[in-house]
Amino acid sequence: MRKLLVGFLVIAVWTQAVCAGEKGWFGFGADIKVDGILSPTLVWVKISKVEPGSPAAEKGIVVGDEIVQVENTDVPGHKARELKPMMQKQVGETLHLRLKHASGETYAVGLVAAKSPK
């Protein structure tokens, strides 16, 4: 009976976190270049910081990589306000990115949103 109760409590806490919409964390920061003022269009988004042990670090994302797609949507030419909601995931949800190394090589990653360590 005790194992069942503990299992139920673990499931209840996990469900509460997911249902509460806990904001996910990927462990990277980015610099952006935009064109325009009132409704800026993205020119590029480049990784400026990667936290050690983060989902981004675990997938091999490094400072200087350029995010070229978010959820199969090209970054250059899109409005920042259109892409921002695509980047915001709840804990446990996956963010799909295509990035480009400084060498020009592109690669795809699926980052599972983690709970923020802070």
PDB file of N, CA and C in Angstrom:
ATOM      1  N   MET A   1       0.822  -1.189   0.000  1.00  0.00           N
ATOM      2  CA  MET A   1       0.000   0.000   0.000  1.00  0.00           C
ATOM      3  C   MET A   1       0.871   1.260   0.000  1.00  0.00           C
ATOM      4  N   ARG A   2       1.974   1.237   0.728  1.00  0.00           N
ATOM      5  CA  ARG A   2       2.848   2.402   0.809  1.00  0.00           C
ATOM      6  C   ARG A   2       3.444   2.720  -0.566  1.00  0.00           C
ATOM      7  N   LYS A   3       3.909   1.686  -1.316  1.00  0.00           N
ATOM      8  CA  LYS A   3       4.483   1.912  -2.655  1.00  0.00           C
ATOM      9  C   LYS A   3       3.444   2.539  -3.570  1.00  0.00           C
ATOM     10  N   LEU A   4       2.221   2.067  -3.499  1.00  0.00           N
ATOM     11  CA  LEU A   4       1.145   2.603  -4.320  1.00  0.00           C
ATOM     12  C   LEU A   4       0.905   4.070  -4.000  1.00  0.00           C
ATOM     13  N   LEU A   5       0.896   4.414  -2.727  1.00  0.00           N
ATOM     14  CA  LEU A   5       0.682   5.791  -2.302  1.00  0.00           C
ATOM     15  C   LEU A   5       1.824   6.694  -2.775  1.00  0.00           C
ATOM     16  N   VAL A   6       3.078   6.237  -2.622  1.00  0.00           N
ATOM     17  CA  VAL A   6       4.228   7.017  -3.075  1.00  0.00           C
ATOM     18  C   VAL A   6       4.163   7.205  -4.588  1.00  0.00           C
ATOM     19  N   GLY A   7       3.863   6.134  -5.312  1.00  0.00           N
ATOM     20  CA  GLY A   7       3.728   6.221  -6.768  1.00  0.00           C
ATOM     21  C   GLY A   7       2.655   7.211  -7.177  1.00  0.00           C
ATOM     22  N   PHE A   8       1.533   7.188  -6.471  1.00  0.00           N
ATOM     23  CA  PHE A   8       0.453   8.120  -6.754  1.00  0.00           C
ATOM     24  C   PHE A   8       0.892   9.557  -6.510  1.00  0.00           C
ATOM     25  N   LEU A   9       1.620   9.783  -5.416  1.00  0.00           N
ATOM     26  CA  LEU A   9       2.089  11.133  -5.100  1.00  0.00           C
ATOM     27  C   LEU A   9       3.064  11.641  -6.158  1.00  0.00           C
ATOM     28  N   VAL A  10       3.970  10.774  -6.618  1.00  0.00           N
ATOM     29  CA  VAL A  10       4.925  11.163  -7.665  1.00  0.00           C
ATOM     30  C   VAL A  10       4.179  11.544  -8.934  1.00  0.00           C
ATOM     31  N   ILE A  11       3.211  10.737  -9.330  1.00  0.00           N
ATOM     32  CA  ILE A  11       2.413  11.028 -10.535  1.00  0.00           C
ATOM     33  C   ILE A  11       1.634  12.324 -10.344  1.00  0.00           C
ATOM     34  N   ALA A  12       1.070  12.532  -9.172  1.00  0.00           N
ATOM     35  CA  ALA A  12       0.292  13.748  -8.912  1.00  0.00           C
ATOM     36  C   ALA A  12       1.164  14.995  -8.999  1.00  0.00           C
ATOM     37  N   VAL A  13       2.362  14.941  -8.427  1.00  0.00           N
ATOM     38  CA  VAL A  13       3.272  16.091  -8.477  1.00  0.00           C
ATOM     39  C   VAL A  13       3.700  16.353  -9.916  1.00  0.00           C
ATOM     40  N   TRP A  14       4.042  15.301 -10.666  1.00  0.00           N
ATOM     41  CA  TRP A  14       4.459  15.457 -12.062  1.00  0.00           C
ATOM     42  C   TRP A  14       3.315  16.043 -12.885  1.00  0.00           C
ATOM     43  N   THR A  15       2.104  15.514 -12.704  1.00  0.00           N
ATOM     44  CA  THR A  15       0.943  16.002 -13.444  1.00  0.00           C
ATOM     45  C   THR A  15       0.679  17.465 -13.110  1.00  0.00           C
ATOM     46  N   GLN A  16       0.808  17.811 -11.846  1.00  0.00           N
ATOM     47  CA  GLN A  16       0.580  19.202 -11.439  1.00  0.00           C
ATOM     48  C   GLN A  16       1.577  20.127 -12.122  1.00  0.00           C
ATOM     49  N   ALA A  17       2.847  19.726 -12.202  1.00  0.00           N
ATOM     50  CA  ALA A  17       3.869  20.556 -12.842  1.00  0.00           C
ATOM     51  C   ALA A  17       3.569  20.730 -14.317  1.00  0.00           C
ATOM     52  N   VAL A  18       3.174  19.653 -14.983  1.00  0.00           N
ATOM     53  CA  VAL A  18       2.886  19.727 -16.416  1.00  0.00           C
ATOM     54  C   VAL A  18       1.619  20.532 -16.665  1.00  0.00           C
ATOM     55  N   CYS A  19       0.589  20.258 -15.908  1.00  0.00           N
ATOM     56  CA  CYS A  19      -0.681  20.956 -16.110  1.00  0.00           C
ATOM     57  C   CYS A  19      -0.601  22.427 -15.717  1.00  0.00           C
ATOM     58  N   ALA A  20       0.270  22.746 -14.780  1.00  0.00           N
ATOM     59  CA  ALA A  20       0.416  24.128 -14.354  1.00  0.00           C
ATOM     60  C   ALA A  20       1.147  24.954 -15.404  1.00  0.00           C
ATOM     61  N   GLY A  21       1.687  24.285 -16.421  1.00  0.00           N
ATOM     62  CA  GLY A  21       2.361  25.007 -17.482  1.00  0.00           C
ATOM     63  C   GLY A  21       3.707  25.545 -17.067  1.00  0.00           C
ATOM     64  N   GLU A  22       4.456  24.747 -16.327  1.00  0.00           N
ATOM     65  CA  GLU A  22       5.760  25.195 -15.866  1.00  0.00           C
ATOM     66  C   GLU A  22       6.663  25.466 -17.064  1.00  0.00           C
ATOM     67  N   LYS A  23       7.188  26.677 -17.113  1.00  0.00           N
ATOM     68  CA  LYS A  23       8.021  27.118 -18.227  1.00  0.00           C
ATOM     69  C   LYS A  23       9.292  26.273 -18.301  1.00  0.00           C
ATOM     70  N   GLY A  24       9.589  25.781 -19.500  1.00  0.00           N
ATOM     71  CA  GLY A  24      10.769  24.958 -19.708  1.00  0.00           C
ATOM     72  C   GLY A  24      12.035  25.781 -19.883  1.00  0.00           C
ATOM     73  N   TRP A  25      13.161  25.125 -19.676  1.00  0.00           N
ATOM     74  CA  TRP A  25      14.486  25.739 -19.764  1.00  0.00           C
ATOM     75  C   TRP A  25      15.348  24.892 -20.682  1.00  0.00           C
ATOM     76  N   PHE A  26      16.088  25.544 -21.589  1.00  0.00           N
ATOM     77  CA  PHE A  26      16.959  24.837 -22.523  1.00  0.00           C
ATOM     78  C   PHE A  26      18.432  25.103 -22.267  1.00  0.00           C
ATOM     79  N   GLY A  27      18.745  26.164 -21.540  1.00  0.00           N
ATOM     80  CA  GLY A  27      20.119  26.436 -21.153  1.00  0.00           C
ATOM     81  C   GLY A  27      20.973  27.117 -22.196  1.00  0.00           C
ATOM     82  N   PHE A  28      20.358  27.929 -23.045  1.00  0.00           N
ATOM     83  CA  PHE A  28      21.158  28.718 -23.978  1.00  0.00           C
ATOM     84  C   PHE A  28      20.612  30.130 -24.067  1.00  0.00           C
ATOM     85  N   GLY A  29      21.503  31.048 -24.433  1.00  0.00           N
ATOM     86  CA  GLY A  29      21.127  32.427 -24.699  1.00  0.00           C
ATOM     87  C   GLY A  29      21.453  32.722 -26.150  1.00  0.00           C
ATOM     88  N   ALA A  30      20.818  33.739 -26.709  1.00  0.00           N
ATOM     89  CA  ALA A  30      21.034  34.042 -28.118  1.00  0.00           C
ATOM     90  C   ALA A  30      21.082  35.541 -28.353  1.00  0.00           C
ATOM     91  N   ASP A  31      21.890  35.921 -29.345  1.00  0.00           N
ATOM     92  CA  ASP A  31      21.913  37.287 -29.856  1.00  0.00           C
ATOM     93  C   ASP A  31      21.106  37.286 -31.141  1.00  0.00           C
ATOM     94  N   ILE A  32      20.421  38.396 -31.400  1.00  0.00           N
ATOM     95  CA  ILE A  32      19.636  38.478 -32.632  1.00  0.00           C
ATOM     96  C   ILE A  32      20.011  39.725 -33.418  1.00  0.00           C
ATOM     97  N   LYS A  33      19.857  39.617 -34.732  1.00  0.00           N
ATOM     98  CA  LYS A  33      19.989  40.778 -35.607  1.00  0.00           C
ATOM     99  C   LYS A  33      18.658  40.902 -36.330  1.00  0.00           C
ATOM    100  N   VAL A  34      18.084  42.110 -36.278  1.00  0.00           N
ATOM    101  CA  VAL A  34      16.794  42.346 -36.901  1.00  0.00           C
ATOM    102  C   VAL A  34      16.882  43.478 -37.907  1.00  0.00           C
ATOM    103  N   ASP A  35      15.893  43.513 -38.781  1.00  0.00           N
ATOM    104  CA  ASP A  35      15.739  44.585 -39.756  1.00  0.00           C
ATOM    105  C   ASP A  35      14.383  45.218 -39.496  1.00  0.00           C
ATOM    106  N   GLY A  36      14.362  46.501 -39.237  1.00  0.00           N
ATOM    107  CA  GLY A  36      13.110  47.198 -38.967  1.00  0.00           C
ATOM    108  C   GLY A  36      12.989  47.565 -37.506  1.00  0.00           C
ATOM    109  N   ILE A  37      12.021  48.446 -37.209  1.00  0.00           N
ATOM    110  CA  ILE A  37      11.863  48.933 -35.849  1.00  0.00           C
ATOM    111  C   ILE A  37      10.513  48.530 -35.254  1.00  0.00           C
ATOM    112  N   LEU A  38       9.420  48.880 -35.884  1.00  0.00           N
ATOM    113  CA  LEU A  38       8.096  48.628 -35.311  1.00  0.00           C
ATOM    114  C   LEU A  38       7.704  47.163 -35.346  1.00  0.00           C
ATOM    115  N   SER A  39       8.015  46.479 -36.419  1.00  0.00           N
ATOM    116  CA  SER A  39       7.720  45.056 -36.547  1.00  0.00           C
ATOM    117  C   SER A  39       8.970  44.381 -37.128  1.00  0.00           C
ATOM    118  N   PRO A  40      10.006  44.213 -36.284  1.00  0.00           N
ATOM    119  CA  PRO A  40      11.292  43.744 -36.805  1.00  0.00           C
ATOM    120  C   PRO A  40      11.254  42.342 -37.405  1.00  0.00           C
ATOM    121  N   THR A  41      12.003  42.210 -38.489  1.00  0.00           N
ATOM    122  CA  THR A  41      12.173  40.924 -39.162  1.00  0.00           C
ATOM    123  C   THR A  41      13.549  40.391 -38.785  1.00  0.00           C
ATOM    124  N   LEU A  42      13.607  39.105 -38.435  1.00  0.00           N
ATOM    125  CA  LEU A  42      14.877  38.499 -38.044  1.00  0.00           C
ATOM    126  C   LEU A  42      15.810  38.342 -39.238  1.00  0.00           C
ATOM    127  N   VAL A  43      17.059  38.721 -39.043  1.00  0.00           N
ATOM    128  CA  VAL A  43      18.110  38.482 -40.033  1.00  0.00           C
ATOM    129  C   VAL A  43      18.847  37.218 -39.628  1.00  0.00           C
ATOM    130  N   TRP A  44      19.237  37.122 -38.340  1.00  0.00           N
ATOM    131  CA  TRP A  44      19.835  35.906 -37.800  1.00  0.00           C
ATOM    132  C   TRP A  44      19.667  35.850 -36.299  1.00  0.00           C
ATOM    133  N   VAL A  45      19.792  34.622 -35.765  1.00  0.00           N
ATOM    134  CA  VAL A  45      19.794  34.371 -34.320  1.00  0.00           C
ATOM    135  C   VAL A  45      20.989  33.467 -34.064  1.00  0.00           C
ATOM    136  N   LYS A  46      21.921  33.935 -33.219  1.00  0.00           N
ATOM    137  CA  LYS A  46      23.135  33.170 -32.932  1.00  0.00           C
ATOM    138  C   LYS A  46      23.249  32.874 -31.437  1.00  0.00           C
ATOM    139  N   ILE A  47      23.718  31.678 -31.138  1.00  0.00           N
ATOM    140  CA  ILE A  47      23.896  31.252 -29.754  1.00  0.00           C
ATOM    141  C   ILE A  47      25.019  32.067 -29.124  1.00  0.00           C
ATOM    142  N   SER A  48      24.723  32.691 -27.982  1.00  0.00           N
ATOM    143  CA  SER A  48      25.708  33.526 -27.292  1.00  0.00           C
ATOM    144  C   SER A  48      26.180  32.908 -25.973  1.00  0.00           C
ATOM    145  N   LYS A  49      25.410  31.932 -25.474  1.00  0.00           N
ATOM    146  CA  LYS A  49      25.757  31.311 -24.189  1.00  0.00           C
ATOM    147  C   LYS A  49      25.125  29.926 -24.129  1.00  0.00           C
ATOM    148  N   VAL A  50      25.909  28.957 -23.599  1.00  0.00           N
ATOM    149  CA  VAL A  50      25.394  27.608 -23.368  1.00  0.00           C
ATOM    150  C   VAL A  50      25.773  27.209 -21.942  1.00  0.00           C
ATOM    151  N   GLU A  51      24.780  26.896 -21.143  1.00  0.00           N
ATOM    152  CA  GLU A  51      25.006  26.496 -19.756  1.00  0.00           C
ATOM    153  C   GLU A  51      25.508  25.050 -19.705  1.00  0.00           C
ATOM    154  N   PRO A  52      26.576  24.796 -18.953  1.00  0.00           N
ATOM    155  CA  PRO A  52      27.067  23.419 -18.805  1.00  0.00           C
ATOM    156  C   PRO A  52      25.975  22.521 -18.202  1.00  0.00           C
ATOM    157  N   GLY A  53      25.856  21.316 -18.744  1.00  0.00           N
ATOM    158  CA  GLY A  53      24.883  20.353 -18.240  1.00  0.00           C
ATOM    159  C   GLY A  53      23.451  20.615 -18.680  1.00  0.00           C
ATOM    160  N   SER A  54      23.233  21.615 -19.499  1.00  0.00           N
ATOM    161  CA  SER A  54      21.887  21.966 -19.958  1.00  0.00           C
ATOM    162  C   SER A  54      21.472  21.068 -21.122  1.00  0.00           C
ATOM    163  N   PRO A  55      20.175  21.068 -21.466  1.00  0.00           N
ATOM    164  CA  PRO A  55      19.741  20.331 -22.650  1.00  0.00           C
ATOM    165  C   PRO A  55      20.501  20.770 -23.911  1.00  0.00           C
ATOM    166  N   ALA A  56      20.786  22.064 -24.043  1.00  0.00           N
ATOM    167  CA  ALA A  56      21.530  22.563 -25.213  1.00  0.00           C
ATOM    168  C   ALA A  56      22.943  22.006 -25.242  1.00  0.00           C
ATOM    169  N   ALA A  57      23.620  22.000 -24.094  1.00  0.00           N
ATOM    170  CA  ALA A  57      24.992  21.477 -24.018  1.00  0.00           C
ATOM    171  C   ALA A  57      25.024  19.987 -24.326  1.00  0.00           C
ATOM    172  N   GLU A  58      24.041  19.256 -23.820  1.00  0.00           N
ATOM    173  CA  GLU A  58      23.984  17.812 -24.042  1.00  0.00           C
ATOM    174  C   GLU A  58      23.808  17.463 -25.519  1.00  0.00           C
ATOM    175  N   LYS A  59      23.206  18.355 -26.285  1.00  0.00           N
ATOM    176  CA  LYS A  59      22.995  18.113 -27.721  1.00  0.00           C
ATOM    177  C   LYS A  59      24.109  18.688 -28.590  1.00  0.00           C
ATOM    178  N   GLY A  60      25.143  19.260 -27.975  1.00  0.00           N
ATOM    179  CA  GLY A  60      26.296  19.737 -28.735  1.00  0.00           C
ATOM    180  C   GLY A  60      26.169  21.138 -29.308  1.00  0.00           C
ATOM    181  N   ILE A  61      25.217  21.909 -28.834  1.00  0.00           N
ATOM    182  CA  ILE A  61      25.083  23.291 -29.289  1.00  0.00           C
ATOM    183  C   ILE A  61      26.226  24.099 -28.681  1.00  0.00           C
ATOM    184  N   VAL A  62      26.855  24.932 -29.496  1.00  0.00           N
ATOM    185  CA  VAL A  62      27.993  25.725 -29.024  1.00  0.00           C
ATOM    186  C   VAL A  62      27.798  27.198 -29.366  1.00  0.00           C
ATOM    187  N   VAL A  63      28.495  28.047 -28.609  1.00  0.00           N
ATOM    188  CA  VAL A  63      28.455  29.490 -28.859  1.00  0.00           C
ATOM    189  C   VAL A  63      28.890  29.748 -30.293  1.00  0.00           C
ATOM    190  N   GLY A  64      28.141  30.598 -30.991  1.00  0.00           N
ATOM    191  CA  GLY A  64      28.433  30.926 -32.379  1.00  0.00           C
ATOM    192  C   GLY A  64      27.544  30.194 -33.373  1.00  0.00           C
ATOM    193  N   ASP A  65      26.913  29.093 -32.953  1.00  0.00           N
ATOM    194  CA  ASP A  65      25.986  28.403 -33.854  1.00  0.00           C
ATOM    195  C   ASP A  65      24.813  29.327 -34.159  1.00  0.00           C
ATOM    196  N   GLU A  66      24.317  29.239 -35.380  1.00  0.00           N
ATOM    197  CA  GLU A  66      23.175  30.045 -35.806  1.00  0.00           C
ATOM    198  C   GLU A  66      21.930  29.174 -35.854  1.00  0.00           C
ATOM    199  N   ILE A  67      20.842  29.650 -35.262  1.00  0.00           N
ATOM    200  CA  ILE A  67      19.562  28.939 -35.349  1.00  0.00           C
ATOM    201  C   ILE A  67      18.936  29.319 -36.685  1.00  0.00           C
ATOM    202  N   VAL A  68      18.776  28.341 -37.578  1.00  0.00           N
ATOM    203  CA  VAL A  68      18.241  28.632 -38.909  1.00  0.00           C
ATOM    204  C   VAL A  68      16.775  28.227 -39.052  1.00  0.00           C
ATOM    205  N   GLN A  69      16.321  27.301 -38.194  1.00  0.00           N
ATOM    206  CA  GLN A  69      14.910  26.913 -38.206  1.00  0.00           C
ATOM    207  C   GLN A  69      14.440  26.628 -36.787  1.00  0.00           C
ATOM    208  N   VAL A  70      13.189  26.989 -36.529  1.00  0.00           N
ATOM    209  CA  VAL A  70      12.506  26.662 -35.275  1.00  0.00           C
ATOM    210  C   VAL A  70      11.220  25.960 -35.656  1.00  0.00           C
ATOM    211  N   GLU A  71      11.051  24.727 -35.208  1.00  0.00           N
ATOM    212  CA  GLU A  71       9.853  23.949 -35.527  1.00  0.00           C
ATOM    213  C   GLU A  71       9.566  23.969 -37.033  1.00  0.00           C
ATOM    214  N   ASN A  72      10.590  23.708 -37.835  1.00  0.00           N
ATOM    215  CA  ASN A  72      10.510  23.648 -39.306  1.00  0.00           C
ATOM    216  C   ASN A  72      10.125  24.969 -39.957  1.00  0.00           C
ATOM    217  N   THR A  73      10.316  26.069 -39.248  1.00  0.00           N
ATOM    218  CA  THR A  73      10.052  27.405 -39.786  1.00  0.00           C
ATOM    219  C   THR A  73      11.373  28.149 -39.888  1.00  0.00           C
ATOM    220  N   ASP A  74      11.675  28.666 -41.078  1.00  0.00           N
ATOM    221  CA  ASP A  74      12.925  29.400 -41.270  1.00  0.00           C
ATOM    222  C   ASP A  74      12.965  30.629 -40.379  1.00  0.00           C
ATOM    223  N   VAL A  75      14.121  30.869 -39.771  1.00  0.00           N
ATOM    224  CA  VAL A  75      14.297  32.034 -38.905  1.00  0.00           C
ATOM    225  C   VAL A  75      14.510  33.307 -39.727  1.00  0.00           C
ATOM    226  N   PRO A  76      15.494  33.344 -40.639  1.00  0.00           N
ATOM    227  CA  PRO A  76      15.686  34.574 -41.417  1.00  0.00           C
ATOM    228  C   PRO A  76      14.425  34.927 -42.212  1.00  0.00           C
ATOM    229  N   GLY A  77      14.015  36.171 -42.100  1.00  0.00           N
ATOM    230  CA  GLY A  77      12.846  36.634 -42.836  1.00  0.00           C
ATOM    231  C   GLY A  77      11.547  36.588 -42.053  1.00  0.00           C
ATOM    232  N   HIS A  78      11.541  35.944 -40.892  1.00  0.00           N
ATOM    233  CA  HIS A  78      10.327  35.885 -40.078  1.00  0.00           C
ATOM    234  C   HIS A  78      10.331  36.970 -39.010  1.00  0.00           C
ATOM    235  N   LYS A  79       9.159  37.302 -38.563  1.00  0.00           N
ATOM    236  CA  LYS A  79       9.001  38.260 -37.482  1.00  0.00           C
ATOM    237  C   LYS A  79       9.349  37.577 -36.166  1.00  0.00           C
ATOM    238  N   ALA A  80      10.040  38.303 -35.309  1.00  0.00           N
ATOM    239  CA  ALA A  80      10.418  37.762 -34.003  1.00  0.00           C
ATOM    240  C   ALA A  80       9.176  37.360 -33.212  1.00  0.00           C
ATOM    241  N   ARG A  81       8.124  38.141 -33.303  1.00  0.00           N
ATOM    242  CA  ARG A  81       6.906  37.855 -32.547  1.00  0.00           C
ATOM    243  C   ARG A  81       6.236  36.557 -33.005  1.00  0.00           C
ATOM    244  N   GLU A  82       6.501  36.114 -34.241  1.00  0.00           N
ATOM    245  CA  GLU A  82       5.941  34.859 -34.741  1.00  0.00           C
ATOM    246  C   GLU A  82       6.713  33.649 -34.212  1.00  0.00           C
ATOM    247  N   LEU A  83       8.024  33.803 -34.050  1.00  0.00           N
ATOM    248  CA  LEU A  83       8.852  32.678 -33.622  1.00  0.00           C
ATOM    249  C   LEU A  83       8.922  32.519 -32.106  1.00  0.00           C
ATOM    250  N   LYS A  84       8.769  33.595 -31.378  1.00  0.00           N
ATOM    251  CA  LYS A  84       8.892  33.532 -29.921  1.00  0.00           C
ATOM    252  C   LYS A  84       7.977  32.479 -29.298  1.00  0.00           C
ATOM    253  N   PRO A  85       6.683  32.423 -29.656  1.00  0.00           N
ATOM    254  CA  PRO A  85       5.826  31.398 -29.045  1.00  0.00           C
ATOM    255  C   PRO A  85       6.264  29.971 -29.391  1.00  0.00           C
ATOM    256  N   MET A  86       6.869  29.783 -30.538  1.00  0.00           N
ATOM    257  CA  MET A  86       7.347  28.455 -30.931  1.00  0.00           C
ATOM    258  C   MET A  86       8.506  27.992 -30.050  1.00  0.00           C
ATOM    259  N   MET A  87       9.263  28.945 -29.524  1.00  0.00           N
ATOM    260  CA  MET A  87      10.438  28.645 -28.704  1.00  0.00           C
ATOM    261  C   MET A  87      10.068  28.393 -27.246  1.00  0.00           C
ATOM    262  N   GLN A  88       8.888  28.791 -26.848  1.00  0.00           N
ATOM    263  CA  GLN A  88       8.485  28.657 -25.451  1.00  0.00           C
ATOM    264  C   GLN A  88       7.773  27.325 -25.255  1.00  0.00           C
ATOM    265  N   LYS A  89       8.395  26.464 -24.476  1.00  0.00           N
ATOM    266  CA  LYS A  89       7.855  25.129 -24.222  1.00  0.00           C
ATOM    267  C   LYS A  89       7.702  24.916 -22.722  1.00  0.00           C
ATOM    268  N   GLN A  90       6.812  24.030 -22.370  1.00  0.00           N
ATOM    269  CA  GLN A  90       6.648  23.639 -20.984  1.00  0.00           C
ATOM    270  C   GLN A  90       7.624  22.510 -20.673  1.00  0.00           C
ATOM    271  N   VAL A  91       7.913  22.307 -19.403  1.00  0.00           N
ATOM    272  CA  VAL A  91       8.794  21.225 -18.979  1.00  0.00           C
ATOM    273  C   VAL A  91       8.300  19.918 -19.585  1.00  0.00           C
ATOM    274  N   GLY A  92       9.227  19.198 -20.225  1.00  0.00           N
ATOM    275  CA  GLY A  92       8.908  17.915 -20.852  1.00  0.00           C
ATOM    276  C   GLY A  92       8.581  18.004 -22.334  1.00  0.00           C
ATOM    277  N   GLU A  93       8.278  19.191 -22.832  1.00  0.00           N
ATOM    278  CA  GLU A  93       7.992  19.351 -24.258  1.00  0.00           C
ATOM    279  C   GLU A  93       9.300  19.484 -25.038  1.00  0.00           C
ATOM    280  N   THR A  94       9.241  19.164 -26.322  1.00  0.00           N
ATOM    281  CA  THR A  94      10.437  19.181 -27.165  1.00  0.00           C
ATOM    282  C   THR A  94      10.426  20.373 -28.117  1.00  0.00           C
ATOM    283  N   LEU A  95      11.561  21.035 -28.187  1.00  0.00           N
ATOM    284  CA  LEU A  95      11.791  22.129 -29.126  1.00  0.00           C
ATOM    285  C   LEU A  95      12.680  21.595 -30.241  1.00  0.00           C
ATOM    286  N   HIS A  96      12.214  21.717 -31.482  1.00  0.00           N
ATOM    287  CA  HIS A  96      12.972  21.230 -32.635  1.00  0.00           C
ATOM    288  C   HIS A  96      13.667  22.401 -33.327  1.00  0.00           C
ATOM    289  N   LEU A  97      14.990  22.301 -33.412  1.00  0.00           N
ATOM    290  CA  LEU A  97      15.795  23.351 -34.028  1.00  0.00           C
ATOM    291  C   LEU A  97      16.690  22.773 -35.113  1.00  0.00           C
ATOM    292  N   ARG A  98      16.973  23.599 -36.112  1.00  0.00           N
ATOM    293  CA  ARG A  98      18.042  23.313 -37.073  1.00  0.00           C
ATOM    294  C   ARG A  98      19.036  24.441 -36.887  1.00  0.00           C
ATOM    295  N   LEU A  99      20.298  24.063 -36.699  1.00  0.00           N
ATOM    296  CA  LEU A  99      21.353  25.043 -36.446  1.00  0.00           C
ATOM    297  C   LEU A  99      22.456  24.896 -37.472  1.00  0.00           C
ATOM    298  N   LYS A 100      23.299  25.928 -37.531  1.00  0.00           N
ATOM    299  CA  LYS A 100      24.441  25.920 -38.446  1.00  0.00           C
ATOM    300  C   LYS A 100      25.686  26.298 -37.669  1.00  0.00           C
ATOM    301  N   HIS A 101      26.688  25.410 -37.727  1.00  0.00           N
ATOM    302  CA  HIS A 101      27.990  25.711 -37.127  1.00  0.00           C
ATOM    303  C   HIS A 101      28.685  26.801 -37.944  1.00  0.00           C
ATOM    304  N   ALA A 102      29.695  27.436 -37.377  1.00  0.00           N
ATOM    305  CA  ALA A 102      30.477  28.456 -38.083  1.00  0.00           C
ATOM    306  C   ALA A 102      31.092  27.889 -39.354  1.00  0.00           C
ATOM    307  N   SER A 103      31.340  26.582 -39.394  1.00  0.00           N
ATOM    308  CA  SER A 103      31.918  25.927 -40.571  1.00  0.00           C
ATOM    309  C   SER A 103      30.920  25.817 -41.724  1.00  0.00           C
ATOM    310  N   GLY A 104      29.633  26.073 -41.443  1.00  0.00           N
ATOM    311  CA  GLY A 104      28.599  25.959 -42.462  1.00  0.00           C
ATOM    312  C   GLY A 104      27.803  24.668 -42.371  1.00  0.00           C
ATOM    313  N   GLU A 105      28.285  23.714 -41.587  1.00  0.00           N
ATOM    314  CA  GLU A 105      27.589  22.438 -41.416  1.00  0.00           C
ATOM    315  C   GLU A 105      26.298  22.664 -40.632  1.00  0.00           C
ATOM    316  N   THR A 106      25.183  22.107 -41.128  1.00  0.00           N
ATOM    317  CA  THR A 106      23.911  22.226 -40.419  1.00  0.00           C
ATOM    318  C   THR A 106      23.596  20.915 -39.707  1.00  0.00           C
ATOM    319  N   TYR A 107      22.827  21.036 -38.635  1.00  0.00           N
ATOM    320  CA  TYR A 107      22.411  19.856 -37.879  1.00  0.00           C
ATOM    321  C   TYR A 107      21.095  20.153 -37.185  1.00  0.00           C
ATOM    322  N   ALA A 108      20.348  19.097 -36.887  1.00  0.00           N
ATOM    323  CA  ALA A 108      19.055  19.230 -36.228  1.00  0.00           C
ATOM    324  C   ALA A 108      19.137  18.646 -34.826  1.00  0.00           C
ATOM    325  N   VAL A 109      18.423  19.278 -33.903  1.00  0.00           N
ATOM    326  CA  VAL A 109      18.341  18.775 -32.531  1.00  0.00           C
ATOM    327  C   VAL A 109      16.907  18.874 -32.040  1.00  0.00           C
ATOM    328  N   GLY A 110      16.586  18.008 -31.106  1.00  0.00           N
ATOM    329  CA  GLY A 110      15.341  18.074 -30.366  1.00  0.00           C
ATOM    330  C   GLY A 110      15.711  18.278 -28.905  1.00  0.00           C
ATOM    331  N   LEU A 111      15.408  19.432 -28.364  1.00  0.00           N
ATOM    332  CA  LEU A 111      15.729  19.754 -26.978  1.00  0.00           C
ATOM    333  C   LEU A 111      14.491  19.568 -26.102  1.00  0.00           C
ATOM    334  N   VAL A 112      14.612  18.717 -25.099  1.00  0.00           N
ATOM    335  CA  VAL A 112      13.492  18.513 -24.175  1.00  0.00           C
ATOM    336  C   VAL A 112      13.616  19.560 -23.067  1.00  0.00           C
ATOM    337  N   ALA A 113      12.567  20.340 -22.909  1.00  0.00           N
ATOM    338  CA  ALA A 113      12.562  21.412 -21.911  1.00  0.00           C
ATOM    339  C   ALA A 113      12.708  20.824 -20.509  1.00  0.00           C
ATOM    340  N   ALA A 114      13.656  21.378 -19.770  1.00  0.00           N
ATOM    341  CA  ALA A 114      13.905  20.938 -18.404  1.00  0.00           C
ATOM    342  C   ALA A 114      13.390  21.990 -17.425  1.00  0.00           C
ATOM    343  N   LYS A 115      13.335  21.609 -16.182  1.00  0.00           N
ATOM    344  CA  LYS A 115      12.992  22.558 -15.133  1.00  0.00           C
ATOM    345  C   LYS A 115      14.211  23.445 -14.894  1.00  0.00           C
ATOM    346  N   SER A 116      14.003  24.735 -14.780  1.00  0.00           N
ATOM    347  CA  SER A 116      15.109  25.670 -14.587  1.00  0.00           C
ATOM    348  C   SER A 116      15.825  25.372 -13.269  1.00  0.00           C
ATOM    349  N   PRO A 117      17.171  25.350 -13.301  1.00  0.00           N
ATOM    350  CA  PRO A 117      17.914  25.079 -12.082  1.00  0.00           C
ATOM    351  C   PRO A 117      17.915  26.253 -11.113  1.00  0.00           C
ATOM    352  N   LYS A 118      17.417  27.403 -11.517  1.00  0.00           N
ATOM    353  CA  LYS A 118      17.459  28.604 -10.683  1.00  0.00           C
ATOM    354  C   LYS A 118      16.203  28.801  -9.897  1.00  0.00           C
TER     355      LYS A 118
END
